[in-house]
PDB file of N, CA and C in Angstrom:
ATOM      1  N   MET A   1     -20.230 -68.283  69.328  1.00  0.00           N
ATOM      2  CA  MET A   1     -18.432 -68.587  69.340  1.00  0.00           C
ATOM      3  C   MET A   1     -18.084 -69.767  69.985  1.00  0.00           C
ATOM      4  N   ALA A   2     -17.538 -70.947  69.831  1.00  0.00           N
ATOM      5  CA  ALA A   2     -17.293 -71.928  70.565  1.00  0.00           C
ATOM      6  C   ALA A   2     -15.928 -71.674  71.229  1.00  0.00           C
ATOM      7  N   SER A   3     -14.706 -71.977  72.040  1.00  0.00           N
ATOM      8  CA  SER A   3     -14.114 -71.510  72.598  1.00  0.00           C
ATOM      9  C   SER A   3     -12.539 -72.215  72.384  1.00  0.00           C
ATOM     10  N   TYR A   4     -11.808 -71.618  71.915  1.00  0.00           N
ATOM     11  CA  TYR A   4     -10.672 -72.943  71.146  1.00  0.00           C
ATOM     12  C   TYR A   4      -9.320 -72.819  72.545  1.00  0.00           C
ATOM     13  N   ARG A   5      -9.277 -73.725  72.868  1.00  0.00           N
ATOM     14  CA  ARG A   5      -7.849 -74.672  73.517  1.00  0.00           C
ATOM     15  C   ARG A   5      -7.184 -74.376  73.075  1.00  0.00           C
ATOM     16  N   ILE A   6      -5.514 -73.944  73.923  1.00  0.00           N
ATOM     17  CA  ILE A   6      -4.102 -73.928  73.709  1.00  0.00           C
ATOM     18  C   ILE A   6      -3.310 -73.986  73.826  1.00  0.00           C
ATOM     19  N   GLU A   7      -2.479 -74.974  73.079  1.00  0.00           N
ATOM     20  CA  GLU A   7      -1.924 -75.653  73.291  1.00  0.00           C
ATOM     21  C   GLU A   7      -0.637 -75.446  72.670  1.00  0.00           C
ATOM     22  N   TRP A   8       0.988 -74.873  73.774  1.00  0.00           N
ATOM     23  CA  TRP A   8       2.315 -74.583  73.470  1.00  0.00           C
ATOM     24  C   TRP A   8       2.973 -76.383  73.096  1.00  0.00           C
ATOM     25  N   LYS A   9       3.799 -75.762  71.492  1.00  0.00           N
ATOM     26  CA  LYS A   9       5.200 -77.024  71.393  1.00  0.00           C
ATOM     27  C   LYS A   9       5.809 -77.086  72.106  1.00  0.00           C
ATOM     28  N   LYS A  10       6.536 -77.228  73.402  1.00  0.00           N
ATOM     29  CA  LYS A  10       7.432 -77.430  73.739  1.00  0.00           C
ATOM     30  C   LYS A  10       8.728 -76.672  73.676  1.00  0.00           C
ATOM     31  N   SER A  11       9.167 -76.297  72.009  1.00  0.00           N
ATOM     32  CA  SER A  11       9.880 -75.615  71.147  1.00  0.00           C
ATOM     33  C   SER A  11       9.767 -74.359  71.557  1.00  0.00           C
ATOM     34  N   ALA A  12       8.380 -74.137  71.315  1.00  0.00           N
ATOM     35  CA  ALA A  12       7.497 -72.448  71.161  1.00  0.00           C
ATOM     36  C   ALA A  12       7.845 -72.430  72.905  1.00  0.00           C
ATOM     37  N   TYR A  13       7.575 -73.303  73.688  1.00  0.00           N
ATOM     38  CA  TYR A  13       7.743 -72.898  75.510  1.00  0.00           C
ATOM     39  C   TYR A  13       9.313 -72.360  75.652  1.00  0.00           C
ATOM     40  N   LYS A  14       9.824 -73.501  74.822  1.00  0.00           N
ATOM     41  CA  LYS A  14      11.386 -72.272  75.670  1.00  0.00           C
ATOM     42  C   LYS A  14      12.145 -71.148  74.550  1.00  0.00           C
ATOM     43  N   GLU A  15      10.860 -71.426  73.290  1.00  0.00           N
ATOM     44  CA  GLU A  15      11.572 -69.989  72.835  1.00  0.00           C
ATOM     45  C   GLU A  15      11.167 -68.698  73.799  1.00  0.00           C
ATOM     46  N   LEU A  16       9.545 -69.082  73.818  1.00  0.00           N
ATOM     47  CA  LEU A  16       8.676 -67.912  75.042  1.00  0.00           C
ATOM     48  C   LEU A  16       9.852 -67.723  76.011  1.00  0.00           C
ATOM     49  N   GLN A  17      10.024 -68.526  76.497  1.00  0.00           N
ATOM     50  CA  GLN A  17      11.061 -68.307  78.418  1.00  0.00           C
ATOM     51  C   GLN A  17      12.226 -67.524  77.644  1.00  0.00           C
ATOM     52  N   LYS A  18      13.047 -67.257  76.317  1.00  0.00           N
ATOM     53  CA  LYS A  18      13.942 -66.962  76.225  1.00  0.00           C
ATOM     54  C   LYS A  18      13.613 -65.418  75.764  1.00  0.00           C
ATOM     55  N   LEU A  19      13.011 -64.632  75.778  1.00  0.00           N
ATOM     56  CA  LEU A  19      11.970 -63.410  75.678  1.00  0.00           C
ATOM     57  C   LEU A  19      12.303 -62.904  76.321  1.00  0.00           C
ATOM     58  N   PRO A  20      12.568 -61.122  75.976  1.00  0.00           N
ATOM     59  CA  PRO A  20      12.439 -60.076  77.590  1.00  0.00           C
ATOM     60  C   PRO A  20      11.484 -60.413  78.285  1.00  0.00           C
ATOM     61  N   ARG A  21      11.499 -59.808  79.421  1.00  0.00           N
ATOM     62  CA  ARG A  21      10.227 -60.360  80.310  1.00  0.00           C
ATOM     63  C   ARG A  21       9.143 -59.499  79.778  1.00  0.00           C
ATOM     64  N   GLN A  22       9.404 -57.749  79.346  1.00  0.00           N
ATOM     65  CA  GLN A  22       8.123 -57.281  79.005  1.00  0.00           C
ATOM     66  C   GLN A  22       7.821 -57.958  77.783  1.00  0.00           C
ATOM     67  N   ILE A  23       8.214 -58.444  76.517  1.00  0.00           N
ATOM     68  CA  ILE A  23       7.402 -59.398  75.727  1.00  0.00           C
ATOM     69  C   ILE A  23       6.788 -60.323  76.162  1.00  0.00           C
ATOM     70  N   ILE A  24       7.178 -61.141  76.908  1.00  0.00           N
ATOM     71  CA  ILE A  24       6.747 -62.265  77.761  1.00  0.00           C
ATOM     72  C   ILE A  24       5.684 -62.138  77.603  1.00  0.00           C
ATOM     73  N   ALA A  25       4.452 -60.701  78.581  1.00  0.00           N
ATOM     74  CA  ALA A  25       3.376 -61.263  79.135  1.00  0.00           C
ATOM     75  C   ALA A  25       3.044 -60.139  77.733  1.00  0.00           C
ATOM     76  N   LYS A  26       3.227 -59.532  76.693  1.00  0.00           N
ATOM     77  CA  LYS A  26       2.546 -59.124  75.877  1.00  0.00           C
ATOM     78  C   LYS A  26       2.419 -60.538  75.211  1.00  0.00           C
ATOM     79  N   VAL A  27       2.998 -60.678  74.574  1.00  0.00           N
ATOM     80  CA  VAL A  27       3.181 -62.501  73.871  1.00  0.00           C
ATOM     81  C   VAL A  27       1.822 -63.394  74.679  1.00  0.00           C
ATOM     82  N   VAL A  28       1.443 -63.213  75.691  1.00  0.00           N
ATOM     83  CA  VAL A  28       0.635 -64.456  76.718  1.00  0.00           C
ATOM     84  C   VAL A  28      -0.498 -63.886  76.561  1.00  0.00           C
ATOM     85  N   ALA A  29      -0.785 -62.310  76.584  1.00  0.00           N
ATOM     86  CA  ALA A  29      -1.805 -61.911  76.480  1.00  0.00           C
ATOM     87  C   ALA A  29      -2.461 -61.899  74.936  1.00  0.00           C
ATOM     88  N   ALA A  30      -1.384 -61.994  74.020  1.00  0.00           N
ATOM     89  CA  ALA A  30      -1.969 -61.887  73.106  1.00  0.00           C
ATOM     90  C   ALA A  30      -2.515 -63.645  72.505  1.00  0.00           C
ATOM     91  N   VAL A  31      -1.552 -64.383  73.316  1.00  0.00           N
ATOM     92  CA  VAL A  31      -1.862 -65.999  72.790  1.00  0.00           C
ATOM     93  C   VAL A  31      -3.221 -65.841  73.714  1.00  0.00           C
ATOM     94  N   ALA A  32      -3.469 -65.085  74.579  1.00  0.00           N
ATOM     95  CA  ALA A  32      -4.664 -66.105  75.729  1.00  0.00           C
ATOM     96  C   ALA A  32      -5.555 -65.136  74.857  1.00  0.00           C
ATOM     97  N   ASP A  33      -6.066 -64.218  73.690  1.00  0.00           N
ATOM     98  CA  ASP A  33      -7.044 -64.249  73.354  1.00  0.00           C
ATOM     99  C   ASP A  33      -7.281 -64.621  71.865  1.00  0.00           C
ATOM    100  N   LEU A  34      -6.456 -65.017  71.373  1.00  0.00           N
ATOM    101  CA  LEU A  34      -6.574 -66.512  70.041  1.00  0.00           C
ATOM    102  C   LEU A  34      -7.990 -67.738  70.560  1.00  0.00           C
ATOM    103  N   SER A  35      -7.771 -68.134  71.993  1.00  0.00           N
ATOM    104  CA  SER A  35      -8.881 -69.007  71.816  1.00  0.00           C
ATOM    105  C   SER A  35      -9.687 -67.850  72.036  1.00  0.00           C
ATOM    106  N   SER A  36     -10.606 -67.111  71.819  1.00  0.00           N
ATOM    107  CA  SER A  36     -11.581 -66.331  71.663  1.00  0.00           C
ATOM    108  C   SER A  36     -11.856 -65.866  70.126  1.00  0.00           C
ATOM    109  N   ASN A  37     -10.524 -65.999  69.811  1.00  0.00           N
ATOM    110  CA  ASN A  37     -11.218 -65.506  68.474  1.00  0.00           C
ATOM    111  C   ASN A  37      -9.215 -65.678  67.069  1.00  0.00           C
ATOM    112  N   PRO A  38      -9.297 -67.087  67.426  1.00  0.00           N
ATOM    113  CA  PRO A  38      -8.690 -67.713  66.535  1.00  0.00           C
ATOM    114  C   PRO A  38      -7.590 -66.846  65.276  1.00  0.00           C
ATOM    115  N   HIS A  39      -8.637 -65.626  64.379  1.00  0.00           N
ATOM    116  CA  HIS A  39      -7.520 -65.067  63.628  1.00  0.00           C
ATOM    117  C   HIS A  39      -8.627 -63.138  63.270  1.00  0.00           C
ATOM    118  N   PRO A  40      -7.874 -63.165  64.686  1.00  0.00           N
ATOM    119  CA  PRO A  40      -7.624 -61.297  64.810  1.00  0.00           C
ATOM    120  C   PRO A  40      -7.410 -60.404  63.720  1.00  0.00           C
ATOM    121  N   THR A  41      -7.766 -59.013  64.135  1.00  0.00           N
ATOM    122  CA  THR A  41      -6.901 -58.632  62.985  1.00  0.00           C
ATOM    123  C   THR A  41      -4.883 -58.167  63.114  1.00  0.00           C
ATOM    124  N   GLY A  42      -5.121 -58.376  61.686  1.00  0.00           N
ATOM    125  CA  GLY A  42      -3.464 -58.109  61.704  1.00  0.00           C
ATOM    126  C   GLY A  42      -3.115 -59.689  62.044  1.00  0.00           C
ATOM    127  N   SER A  43      -3.406 -60.570  61.926  1.00  0.00           N
ATOM    128  CA  SER A  43      -3.165 -62.158  61.658  1.00  0.00           C
ATOM    129  C   SER A  43      -2.736 -62.164  60.100  1.00  0.00           C
ATOM    130  N   LYS A  44      -1.872 -62.867  59.980  1.00  0.00           N
ATOM    131  CA  LYS A  44      -2.020 -63.164  58.450  1.00  0.00           C
ATOM    132  C   LYS A  44      -1.708 -65.051  58.724  1.00  0.00           C
ATOM    133  N   LYS A  45      -2.169 -65.199  57.232  1.00  0.00           N
ATOM    134  CA  LYS A  45      -2.147 -66.705  56.978  1.00  0.00           C
ATOM    135  C   LYS A  45      -0.425 -67.030  55.991  1.00  0.00           C
ATOM    136  N   LEU A  46      -0.044 -67.521  56.939  1.00  0.00           N
ATOM    137  CA  LEU A  46       1.422 -68.056  55.951  1.00  0.00           C
ATOM    138  C   LEU A  46       1.661 -68.487  54.991  1.00  0.00           C
ATOM    139  N   THR A  47       1.926 -68.654  53.911  1.00  0.00           N
ATOM    140  CA  THR A  47       1.785 -69.548  52.323  1.00  0.00           C
ATOM    141  C   THR A  47       2.299 -70.597  52.439  1.00  0.00           C
ATOM    142  N   GLY A  48       2.191 -71.733  51.890  1.00  0.00           N
ATOM    143  CA  GLY A  48       3.209 -72.704  51.670  1.00  0.00           C
ATOM    144  C   GLY A  48       2.124 -73.099  52.799  1.00  0.00           C
ATOM    145  N   SER A  49       1.482 -73.554  53.860  1.00  0.00           N
ATOM    146  CA  SER A  49       0.402 -74.204  55.024  1.00  0.00           C
ATOM    147  C   SER A  49      -1.153 -74.092  54.370  1.00  0.00           C
ATOM    148  N   GLU A  50      -1.687 -74.913  54.906  1.00  0.00           N
ATOM    149  CA  GLU A  50      -3.220 -74.858  54.946  1.00  0.00           C
ATOM    150  C   GLU A  50      -3.627 -73.747  56.050  1.00  0.00           C
ATOM    151  N   HIS A  51      -2.964 -74.759  57.428  1.00  0.00           N
ATOM    152  CA  HIS A  51      -3.372 -74.359  58.806  1.00  0.00           C
ATOM    153  C   HIS A  51      -2.391 -73.083  59.331  1.00  0.00           C
ATOM    154  N   SER A  52      -1.369 -72.299  58.650  1.00  0.00           N
ATOM    155  CA  SER A  52      -0.264 -72.093  60.122  1.00  0.00           C
ATOM    156  C   SER A  52      -1.083 -70.559  59.422  1.00  0.00           C
ATOM    157  N   TYR A  53      -0.424 -69.654  60.875  1.00  0.00           N
ATOM    158  CA  TYR A  53      -1.113 -67.867  60.934  1.00  0.00           C
ATOM    159  C   TYR A  53      -0.281 -67.406  61.601  1.00  0.00           C
ATOM    160  N   ARG A  54       0.438 -66.403  61.767  1.00  0.00           N
ATOM    161  CA  ARG A  54       1.133 -65.862  62.652  1.00  0.00           C
ATOM    162  C   ARG A  54       0.337 -64.812  63.381  1.00  0.00           C
ATOM    163  N   ILE A  55       0.861 -63.968  64.406  1.00  0.00           N
ATOM    164  CA  ILE A  55       0.522 -63.109  64.886  1.00  0.00           C
ATOM    165  C   ILE A  55       1.703 -62.276  65.294  1.00  0.00           C
ATOM    166  N   ARG A  56       1.614 -61.113  65.061  1.00  0.00           N
ATOM    167  CA  ARG A  56       2.590 -59.869  65.437  1.00  0.00           C
ATOM    168  C   ARG A  56       2.303 -59.151  66.135  1.00  0.00           C
ATOM    169  N   ILE A  57       3.383 -58.798  67.525  1.00  0.00           N
ATOM    170  CA  ILE A  57       3.372 -58.076  68.534  1.00  0.00           C
ATOM    171  C   ILE A  57       5.046 -57.467  68.464  1.00  0.00           C
ATOM    172  N   GLY A  58       4.751 -56.736  68.436  1.00  0.00           N
ATOM    173  CA  GLY A  58       5.830 -55.393  68.108  1.00  0.00           C
ATOM    174  C   GLY A  58       6.964 -56.405  66.730  1.00  0.00           C
ATOM    175  N   ASP A  59       8.055 -56.198  67.289  1.00  0.00           N
ATOM    176  CA  ASP A  59       8.970 -56.612  66.707  1.00  0.00           C
ATOM    177  C   ASP A  59       9.339 -58.362  66.745  1.00  0.00           C
ATOM    178  N   TYR A  60       8.046 -58.966  67.637  1.00  0.00           N
ATOM    179  CA  TYR A  60       8.337 -60.461  67.478  1.00  0.00           C
ATOM    180  C   TYR A  60       7.051 -60.568  66.933  1.00  0.00           C
ATOM    181  N   ARG A  61       7.102 -62.443  67.496  1.00  0.00           N
ATOM    182  CA  ARG A  61       6.215 -63.087  66.012  1.00  0.00           C
ATOM    183  C   ARG A  61       5.838 -64.490  66.957  1.00  0.00           C
ATOM    184  N   VAL A  62       4.366 -64.505  66.553  1.00  0.00           N
ATOM    185  CA  VAL A  62       3.661 -65.753  67.211  1.00  0.00           C
ATOM    186  C   VAL A  62       3.365 -66.939  66.081  1.00  0.00           C
ATOM    187  N   VAL A  63       3.789 -67.932  65.864  1.00  0.00           N
ATOM    188  CA  VAL A  63       3.321 -68.432  64.601  1.00  0.00           C
ATOM    189  C   VAL A  63       2.600 -69.768  64.942  1.00  0.00           C
ATOM    190  N   TYR A  64       1.252 -70.252  64.902  1.00  0.00           N
ATOM    191  CA  TYR A  64       0.533 -71.415  65.103  1.00  0.00           C
ATOM    192  C   TYR A  64      -0.703 -71.446  63.682  1.00  0.00           C
ATOM    193  N   GLU A  65      -0.794 -72.987  64.596  1.00  0.00           N
ATOM    194  CA  GLU A  65      -1.988 -73.583  63.613  1.00  0.00           C
ATOM    195  C   GLU A  65      -3.386 -73.354  64.448  1.00  0.00           C
ATOM    196  N   ILE A  66      -4.132 -73.576  63.053  1.00  0.00           N
ATOM    197  CA  ILE A  66      -5.698 -74.050  63.967  1.00  0.00           C
ATOM    198  C   ILE A  66      -5.933 -75.267  63.265  1.00  0.00           C
ATOM    199  N   ILE A  67      -6.026 -76.341  64.235  1.00  0.00           N
ATOM    200  CA  ILE A  67      -7.034 -77.076  64.027  1.00  0.00           C
ATOM    201  C   ILE A  67      -8.288 -77.400  64.379  1.00  0.00           C
ATOM    202  N   GLU A  68      -8.959 -76.797  63.605  1.00  0.00           N
ATOM    203  CA  GLU A  68     -10.674 -76.769  63.671  1.00  0.00           C
ATOM    204  C   GLU A  68     -11.622 -78.057  64.165  1.00  0.00           C
ATOM    205  N   ASN A  69     -10.992 -79.146  63.878  1.00  0.00           N
ATOM    206  CA  ASN A  69     -11.971 -79.986  64.196  1.00  0.00           C
ATOM    207  C   ASN A  69     -11.630 -80.376  65.779  1.00  0.00           C
ATOM    208  N   LYS A  70     -11.009 -80.132  65.929  1.00  0.00           N
ATOM    209  CA  LYS A  70     -10.524 -80.458  67.614  1.00  0.00           C
ATOM    210  C   LYS A  70     -10.731 -79.060  68.484  1.00  0.00           C
ATOM    211  N   LEU A  71     -10.821 -78.293  67.891  1.00  0.00           N
ATOM    212  CA  LEU A  71     -10.838 -76.453  68.285  1.00  0.00           C
ATOM    213  C   LEU A  71      -9.989 -76.446  69.560  1.00  0.00           C
ATOM    214  N   MET A  72      -8.586 -76.712  68.429  1.00  0.00           N
ATOM    215  CA  MET A  72      -7.171 -76.361  69.272  1.00  0.00           C
ATOM    216  C   MET A  72      -5.940 -75.356  68.258  1.00  0.00           C
ATOM    217  N   ILE A  73      -5.860 -74.848  68.858  1.00  0.00           N
ATOM    218  CA  ILE A  73      -4.365 -73.749  68.623  1.00  0.00           C
ATOM    219  C   ILE A  73      -3.580 -73.840  69.146  1.00  0.00           C
ATOM    220  N   GLU A  74      -2.167 -74.876  68.262  1.00  0.00           N
ATOM    221  CA  GLU A  74      -1.133 -75.031  68.147  1.00  0.00           C
ATOM    222  C   GLU A  74       0.323 -74.441  68.407  1.00  0.00           C
ATOM    223  N   ILE A  75       0.257 -73.853  69.302  1.00  0.00           N
ATOM    224  CA  ILE A  75       1.482 -71.912  69.314  1.00  0.00           C
ATOM    225  C   ILE A  75       3.115 -73.331  68.801  1.00  0.00           C
ATOM    226  N   VAL A  76       3.507 -72.735  67.516  1.00  0.00           N
ATOM    227  CA  VAL A  76       4.525 -73.213  66.958  1.00  0.00           C
ATOM    228  C   VAL A  76       6.135 -72.863  66.783  1.00  0.00           C
ATOM    229  N   ARG A  77       6.066 -71.278  66.994  1.00  0.00           N
ATOM    230  CA  ARG A  77       6.888 -70.327  67.671  1.00  0.00           C
ATOM    231  C   ARG A  77       6.734 -68.903  67.935  1.00  0.00           C
ATOM    232  N   ALA A  78       7.499 -68.277  68.506  1.00  0.00           N
ATOM    233  CA  ALA A  78       7.332 -67.589  69.077  1.00  0.00           C
ATOM    234  C   ALA A  78       8.551 -66.610  69.556  1.00  0.00           C
ATOM    235  N   ARG A  79       9.341 -65.639  68.028  1.00  0.00           N
ATOM    236  CA  ARG A  79      10.961 -65.909  68.408  1.00  0.00           C
ATOM    237  C   ARG A  79      10.535 -64.248  67.538  1.00  0.00           C
ATOM    238  N   HIS A  80      11.997 -64.086  67.769  1.00  0.00           N
ATOM    239  CA  HIS A  80      12.245 -62.311  67.163  1.00  0.00           C
ATOM    240  C   HIS A  80      11.699 -62.987  65.314  1.00  0.00           C
ATOM    241  N   ARG A  81      11.396 -61.357  64.584  1.00  0.00           N
ATOM    242  CA  ARG A  81      11.325 -61.338  63.696  1.00  0.00           C
ATOM    243  C   ARG A  81      12.226 -61.925  62.475  1.00  0.00           C
ATOM    244  N   LYS A  82      13.550 -61.598  62.942  1.00  0.00           N
ATOM    245  CA  LYS A  82      14.423 -61.791  62.106  1.00  0.00           C
ATOM    246  C   LYS A  82      14.521 -63.323  62.187  1.00  0.00           C
ATOM    247  N   ASP A  83      14.583 -64.299  62.947  1.00  0.00           N
ATOM    248  CA  ASP A  83      14.538 -65.158  63.160  1.00  0.00           C
ATOM    249  C   ASP A  83      13.113 -66.482  63.148  1.00  0.00           C
ATOM    250  N   VAL A  84      12.312 -65.368  62.831  1.00  0.00           N
ATOM    251  CA  VAL A  84      10.843 -66.577  62.988  1.00  0.00           C
ATOM    252  C   VAL A  84      11.125 -67.389  62.187  1.00  0.00           C
ATOM    253  N   TYR A  85      11.093 -67.418  61.172  1.00  0.00           N
ATOM    254  CA  TYR A  85      10.798 -68.246  59.511  1.00  0.00           C
ATOM    255  C   TYR A  85      11.785 -68.353  59.008  1.00  0.00           C
ATOM    256  N   LYS A  86      13.175 -69.112  59.854  1.00  0.00           N
ATOM    257  CA  LYS A  86      14.048 -69.373  59.430  1.00  0.00           C
ATOM    258  C   LYS A  86      14.169 -71.275  60.072  1.00  0.00           C
TER     259      LYS A  86
END
């Protein structure tokens, strides 16, 4: 299976920097795992979009889009679950 390239949107990277330190490490590890498996156990497809998914890391969510033809995953958001879908 091919490896996907991970790219962060500028806004998602800023959101990541505002998270607590312990959570940042977990989020970065979970995102790194996406490069080998873009559909890990527990990932869910978001309604209303063809390519958007989310993974759960405790009370935090990472929303990402899979771009199949470029073998790329773009991280769109990384926030607390109460704020991520707003």
